[in-house]
């Protein structure tokens, strides 16, 4: 069944999962905007056992939802690759992970 944002969003998620597997469970959900209080979305990272949940506002445009998905996937990847010793949300290692996720998402 397609997601709330349709085939293109689903295709990008499949590319990310296949091109950069996280080696931990990942759930992607959409929620009403009021549930995430002004955010576009966020990544919840659970430690024991490691798992991820990406939450995205349903009120976003398809383009903004895809951008948010890539952004939050990069947080999950950063955690898997670099750990959480540093609690900065957008540290340099996240930027490298974001670039990697962006490149994979744009391959045709």
N, C-alpha and C. Protein backbone atom coordinates (compact mmCIF):
# COMPACT_ATOMS: atom_id res chain seq x y z
N UNK A 1 0.83 -1.17 0.00
CA UNK A 1 0.00 0.00 0.00
C UNK A 1 0.89 1.25 0.00
N UNK A 2 0.59 2.20 -0.87
CA UNK A 2 1.42 3.41 -0.93
C UNK A 2 1.28 4.25 0.34
N UNK A 3 2.32 5.00 0.62
CA UNK A 3 2.30 5.89 1.78
C UNK A 3 1.38 7.08 1.51
N UNK A 4 1.23 7.89 2.51
CA UNK A 4 0.43 9.11 2.41
C UNK A 4 0.94 10.02 1.29
N UNK A 5 2.25 10.00 1.03
CA UNK A 5 2.85 10.90 0.04
C UNK A 5 3.00 10.29 -1.34
N UNK A 6 2.65 9.05 -1.52
CA UNK A 6 2.60 8.46 -2.85
C UNK A 6 3.86 7.76 -3.32
N UNK A 7 3.84 7.43 -4.62
CA UNK A 7 4.85 6.55 -5.22
C UNK A 7 6.26 7.13 -5.20
N UNK A 8 6.42 8.41 -5.46
CA UNK A 8 7.77 8.98 -5.50
C UNK A 8 8.41 8.92 -4.11
N UNK A 9 7.68 9.29 -3.09
CA UNK A 9 8.17 9.20 -1.71
C UNK A 9 8.57 7.76 -1.39
N UNK A 10 7.69 6.82 -1.73
CA UNK A 10 7.96 5.41 -1.46
C UNK A 10 9.20 4.92 -2.20
N UNK A 11 9.38 5.40 -3.43
CA UNK A 11 10.55 5.03 -4.23
C UNK A 11 11.85 5.52 -3.57
N UNK A 12 11.83 6.76 -3.08
CA UNK A 12 13.01 7.31 -2.39
C UNK A 12 13.31 6.50 -1.14
N UNK A 13 12.28 6.15 -0.38
CA UNK A 13 12.50 5.35 0.83
C UNK A 13 13.09 3.99 0.47
N UNK A 14 12.60 3.36 -0.59
CA UNK A 14 13.17 2.07 -1.01
C UNK A 14 14.63 2.23 -1.43
N UNK A 15 14.95 3.30 -2.14
CA UNK A 15 16.35 3.56 -2.54
C UNK A 15 17.25 3.70 -1.32
N UNK A 16 16.78 4.44 -0.33
CA UNK A 16 17.57 4.62 0.89
C UNK A 16 17.77 3.29 1.60
N UNK A 17 16.70 2.55 1.78
CA UNK A 17 16.79 1.26 2.47
C UNK A 17 17.74 0.29 1.75
N UNK A 18 17.67 0.28 0.42
CA UNK A 18 18.51 -0.64 -0.36
C UNK A 18 19.94 -0.13 -0.49
N UNK A 19 20.10 1.15 -0.78
CA UNK A 19 21.42 1.71 -1.04
C UNK A 19 22.25 1.95 0.21
N UNK A 20 21.57 2.21 1.34
CA UNK A 20 22.26 2.47 2.60
C UNK A 20 21.49 1.77 3.72
N UNK A 21 21.59 0.45 3.78
CA UNK A 21 20.84 -0.26 4.83
C UNK A 21 21.33 0.15 6.22
N UNK A 22 20.40 0.27 7.14
CA UNK A 22 20.73 0.69 8.51
C UNK A 22 21.11 -0.47 9.42
N UNK A 23 20.82 -1.68 9.03
CA UNK A 23 21.10 -2.86 9.86
C UNK A 23 20.39 -2.79 11.21
N UNK A 24 19.25 -2.12 11.21
CA UNK A 24 18.38 -2.06 12.39
C UNK A 24 16.98 -1.75 11.87
N UNK A 25 15.95 -2.14 12.61
CA UNK A 25 14.59 -1.86 12.15
C UNK A 25 14.33 -0.36 12.00
N UNK A 26 13.59 -0.01 10.94
CA UNK A 26 13.20 1.38 10.69
C UNK A 26 11.71 1.41 10.36
N UNK A 27 10.99 2.27 11.04
CA UNK A 27 9.57 2.49 10.76
C UNK A 27 9.41 3.95 10.36
N UNK A 28 8.67 4.21 9.29
CA UNK A 28 8.40 5.57 8.83
C UNK A 28 6.90 5.78 8.93
N UNK A 29 6.50 6.84 9.65
CA UNK A 29 5.08 7.13 9.84
C UNK A 29 4.80 8.60 9.54
N UNK A 30 3.56 8.88 9.18
CA UNK A 30 3.11 10.26 9.02
C UNK A 30 2.07 10.55 10.09
N UNK A 31 2.09 11.79 10.58
CA UNK A 31 1.18 12.18 11.65
C UNK A 31 0.62 13.57 11.37
N UNK A 32 -0.49 13.93 11.99
CA UNK A 32 -1.00 15.30 11.86
C UNK A 32 0.02 16.29 12.42
N UNK A 33 0.06 17.47 11.84
CA UNK A 33 1.03 18.51 12.24
C UNK A 33 0.98 18.82 13.73
N UNK A 34 -0.20 18.86 14.30
CA UNK A 34 -0.30 19.23 15.72
C UNK A 34 0.39 18.22 16.64
N UNK A 35 0.63 17.01 16.18
CA UNK A 35 1.33 16.01 17.00
C UNK A 35 2.83 16.26 17.10
N UNK A 36 3.38 17.05 16.17
CA UNK A 36 4.83 17.30 16.22
C UNK A 36 5.16 18.79 16.37
N UNK A 37 4.16 19.56 16.73
CA UNK A 37 4.33 20.94 17.18
C UNK A 37 5.32 21.78 16.37
N UNK A 38 4.99 22.03 15.13
CA UNK A 38 5.79 22.94 14.32
C UNK A 38 6.97 22.34 13.60
N UNK A 39 7.29 21.09 13.87
CA UNK A 39 8.40 20.45 13.16
C UNK A 39 7.91 19.88 11.84
N UNK A 40 8.83 19.68 10.91
CA UNK A 40 8.50 18.96 9.68
C UNK A 40 8.51 17.46 9.97
N UNK A 41 9.40 17.06 10.86
CA UNK A 41 9.53 15.66 11.24
C UNK A 41 10.68 15.47 12.19
N UNK A 42 10.90 14.24 12.60
CA UNK A 42 12.02 13.93 13.47
C UNK A 42 12.34 12.44 13.38
N UNK A 43 13.53 12.09 13.83
CA UNK A 43 13.94 10.69 13.93
C UNK A 43 14.07 10.33 15.39
N UNK A 44 13.36 9.29 15.79
CA UNK A 44 13.49 8.76 17.15
C UNK A 44 14.45 7.58 17.09
N UNK A 45 15.46 7.61 17.95
CA UNK A 45 16.48 6.58 17.97
C UNK A 45 16.38 5.85 19.30
N UNK A 46 16.14 4.55 19.22
CA UNK A 46 16.04 3.72 20.42
C UNK A 46 17.32 2.90 20.53
N UNK A 47 17.84 2.80 21.72
CA UNK A 47 19.17 2.22 21.94
C UNK A 47 19.21 0.71 22.15
N UNK A 48 18.29 0.13 22.89
CA UNK A 48 18.45 -1.27 23.28
C UNK A 48 17.16 -2.06 23.10
N UNK A 49 17.00 -2.78 22.03
CA UNK A 49 17.90 -2.90 20.88
C UNK A 49 17.77 -1.67 19.97
N UNK A 50 18.76 -1.45 19.13
CA UNK A 50 18.75 -0.29 18.24
C UNK A 50 17.61 -0.42 17.24
N UNK A 51 16.83 0.65 17.15
CA UNK A 51 15.77 0.74 16.15
C UNK A 51 15.50 2.23 15.91
N UNK A 52 14.86 2.51 14.79
CA UNK A 52 14.61 3.89 14.39
C UNK A 52 13.15 4.07 14.00
N UNK A 53 12.67 5.28 14.23
CA UNK A 53 11.34 5.66 13.78
C UNK A 53 11.43 7.08 13.23
N UNK A 54 11.06 7.24 11.97
CA UNK A 54 11.02 8.56 11.35
C UNK A 54 9.57 8.99 11.30
N UNK A 55 9.30 10.17 11.85
CA UNK A 55 7.96 10.72 11.92
C UNK A 55 7.93 11.97 11.03
N UNK A 56 6.94 12.05 10.12
CA UNK A 56 6.85 13.16 9.18
C UNK A 56 5.43 13.73 9.21
N UNK A 57 5.34 15.05 9.20
CA UNK A 57 4.04 15.73 9.19
C UNK A 57 3.29 15.45 7.90
N UNK A 58 2.02 15.10 8.01
CA UNK A 58 1.17 14.87 6.84
C UNK A 58 0.88 16.14 6.06
N UNK A 59 1.05 17.29 6.70
CA UNK A 59 0.69 18.54 6.05
C UNK A 59 1.78 19.06 5.10
N UNK A 60 2.91 18.40 5.05
CA UNK A 60 3.97 18.85 4.15
C UNK A 60 3.61 18.56 2.69
N UNK A 61 4.22 19.32 1.80
CA UNK A 61 4.11 18.98 0.38
C UNK A 61 4.92 17.71 0.14
N UNK A 62 4.70 17.08 -1.00
CA UNK A 62 5.45 15.87 -1.33
C UNK A 62 6.96 16.14 -1.37
N UNK A 63 7.35 17.27 -1.95
CA UNK A 63 8.77 17.63 -2.04
C UNK A 63 9.36 17.84 -0.65
N UNK A 64 8.65 18.56 0.20
CA UNK A 64 9.13 18.80 1.57
C UNK A 64 9.19 17.50 2.36
N UNK A 65 8.24 16.60 2.14
CA UNK A 65 8.25 15.31 2.85
C UNK A 65 9.45 14.48 2.43
N UNK A 66 9.79 14.50 1.15
CA UNK A 66 10.96 13.76 0.67
C UNK A 66 12.23 14.36 1.26
N UNK A 67 12.33 15.68 1.27
CA UNK A 67 13.50 16.34 1.89
C UNK A 67 13.62 15.97 3.37
N UNK A 68 12.50 15.95 4.06
CA UNK A 68 12.49 15.59 5.48
C UNK A 68 12.90 14.14 5.67
N UNK A 69 12.40 13.26 4.83
CA UNK A 69 12.78 11.85 4.90
C UNK A 69 14.30 11.68 4.77
N UNK A 70 14.89 12.32 3.78
CA UNK A 70 16.33 12.23 3.56
C UNK A 70 17.09 12.78 4.77
N UNK A 71 16.64 13.92 5.28
CA UNK A 71 17.27 14.56 6.43
C UNK A 71 17.24 13.63 7.65
N UNK A 72 16.09 13.06 7.92
CA UNK A 72 15.95 12.22 9.11
C UNK A 72 16.64 10.87 8.94
N UNK A 73 16.64 10.33 7.72
CA UNK A 73 17.37 9.09 7.46
C UNK A 73 18.86 9.31 7.74
N UNK A 74 19.36 10.50 7.39
CA UNK A 74 20.76 10.82 7.66
C UNK A 74 21.06 10.81 9.16
N UNK A 75 20.11 11.24 9.99
CA UNK A 75 20.31 11.15 11.44
C UNK A 75 20.44 9.69 11.88
N UNK A 76 19.59 8.83 11.33
CA UNK A 76 19.65 7.41 11.67
C UNK A 76 20.99 6.82 11.23
N UNK A 77 21.40 7.13 10.01
CA UNK A 77 22.68 6.63 9.50
C UNK A 77 23.85 7.14 10.34
N UNK A 78 23.83 8.41 10.69
CA UNK A 78 24.89 8.99 11.52
C UNK A 78 25.00 8.23 12.84
N UNK A 79 23.87 7.89 13.42
CA UNK A 79 23.90 7.13 14.67
C UNK A 79 24.53 5.76 14.45
N UNK A 80 24.14 5.08 13.37
CA UNK A 80 24.67 3.73 13.10
C UNK A 80 26.17 3.77 12.84
N UNK A 81 26.63 4.75 12.09
CA UNK A 81 28.03 4.82 11.68
C UNK A 81 28.92 5.44 12.76
N UNK A 82 28.43 6.49 13.41
CA UNK A 82 29.28 7.30 14.29
C UNK A 82 28.88 7.29 15.75
N UNK A 83 27.79 6.64 16.09
CA UNK A 83 27.36 6.59 17.48
C UNK A 83 26.79 7.92 17.95
N UNK A 84 26.53 8.00 19.24
CA UNK A 84 25.89 9.19 19.81
C UNK A 84 26.74 9.85 20.89
N UNK A 85 28.06 9.69 20.84
CA UNK A 85 28.90 10.32 21.86
C UNK A 85 28.65 11.83 21.91
N UNK A 86 28.50 12.40 20.76
CA UNK A 86 28.27 13.84 20.63
C UNK A 86 26.78 14.05 20.43
N UNK A 87 26.16 14.87 21.23
CA UNK A 87 24.72 15.08 21.13
C UNK A 87 24.33 16.23 20.19
N UNK A 88 25.28 16.75 19.41
CA UNK A 88 24.93 17.77 18.43
C UNK A 88 24.08 17.13 17.36
N UNK A 89 23.00 17.78 17.00
CA UNK A 89 22.08 17.19 16.02
C UNK A 89 22.61 17.25 14.60
N UNK A 90 23.32 18.30 14.26
CA UNK A 90 23.80 18.47 12.89
C UNK A 90 25.32 18.64 12.88
N UNK A 91 25.99 17.67 13.46
CA UNK A 91 27.45 17.67 13.50
C UNK A 91 28.01 17.36 12.11
N UNK A 92 29.30 17.50 11.96
CA UNK A 92 29.93 17.28 10.66
C UNK A 92 29.65 15.89 10.11
N UNK A 93 29.67 14.88 10.97
CA UNK A 93 29.43 13.51 10.50
C UNK A 93 28.01 13.36 9.96
N UNK A 94 27.05 14.09 10.55
CA UNK A 94 25.68 14.07 10.01
C UNK A 94 25.67 14.65 8.60
N UNK A 95 26.43 15.72 8.37
CA UNK A 95 26.48 16.32 7.04
C UNK A 95 27.00 15.35 5.99
N UNK A 96 28.00 14.57 6.35
CA UNK A 96 28.53 13.55 5.44
C UNK A 96 27.45 12.50 5.17
N UNK A 97 26.75 12.08 6.20
CA UNK A 97 25.68 11.10 6.04
C UNK A 97 24.54 11.66 5.19
N UNK A 98 24.22 12.93 5.40
CA UNK A 98 23.17 13.57 4.61
C UNK A 98 23.55 13.57 3.13
N UNK A 99 24.79 13.94 2.83
CA UNK A 99 25.24 13.95 1.44
C UNK A 99 25.12 12.56 0.82
N UNK A 100 25.49 11.57 1.57
CA UNK A 100 25.39 10.19 1.08
C UNK A 100 23.94 9.81 0.81
N UNK A 101 23.05 10.14 1.73
CA UNK A 101 21.62 9.84 1.56
C UNK A 101 21.05 10.61 0.37
N UNK A 102 21.42 11.84 0.23
CA UNK A 102 20.92 12.65 -0.89
C UNK A 102 21.35 12.04 -2.22
N UNK A 103 22.62 11.66 -2.32
CA UNK A 103 23.12 11.07 -3.57
C UNK A 103 22.39 9.79 -3.91
N UNK A 104 22.18 8.92 -2.93
CA UNK A 104 21.46 7.67 -3.18
C UNK A 104 20.03 7.95 -3.59
N UNK A 105 19.40 8.93 -2.97
CA UNK A 105 18.00 9.23 -3.28
C UNK A 105 17.82 9.79 -4.69
N UNK A 106 18.86 10.37 -5.27
CA UNK A 106 18.75 11.00 -6.58
C UNK A 106 19.17 10.11 -7.75
N UNK A 107 19.67 8.92 -7.45
CA UNK A 107 20.10 8.03 -8.54
C UNK A 107 18.87 7.55 -9.33
N UNK A 108 19.03 7.49 -10.61
CA UNK A 108 17.94 6.99 -11.47
C UNK A 108 18.24 5.62 -11.98
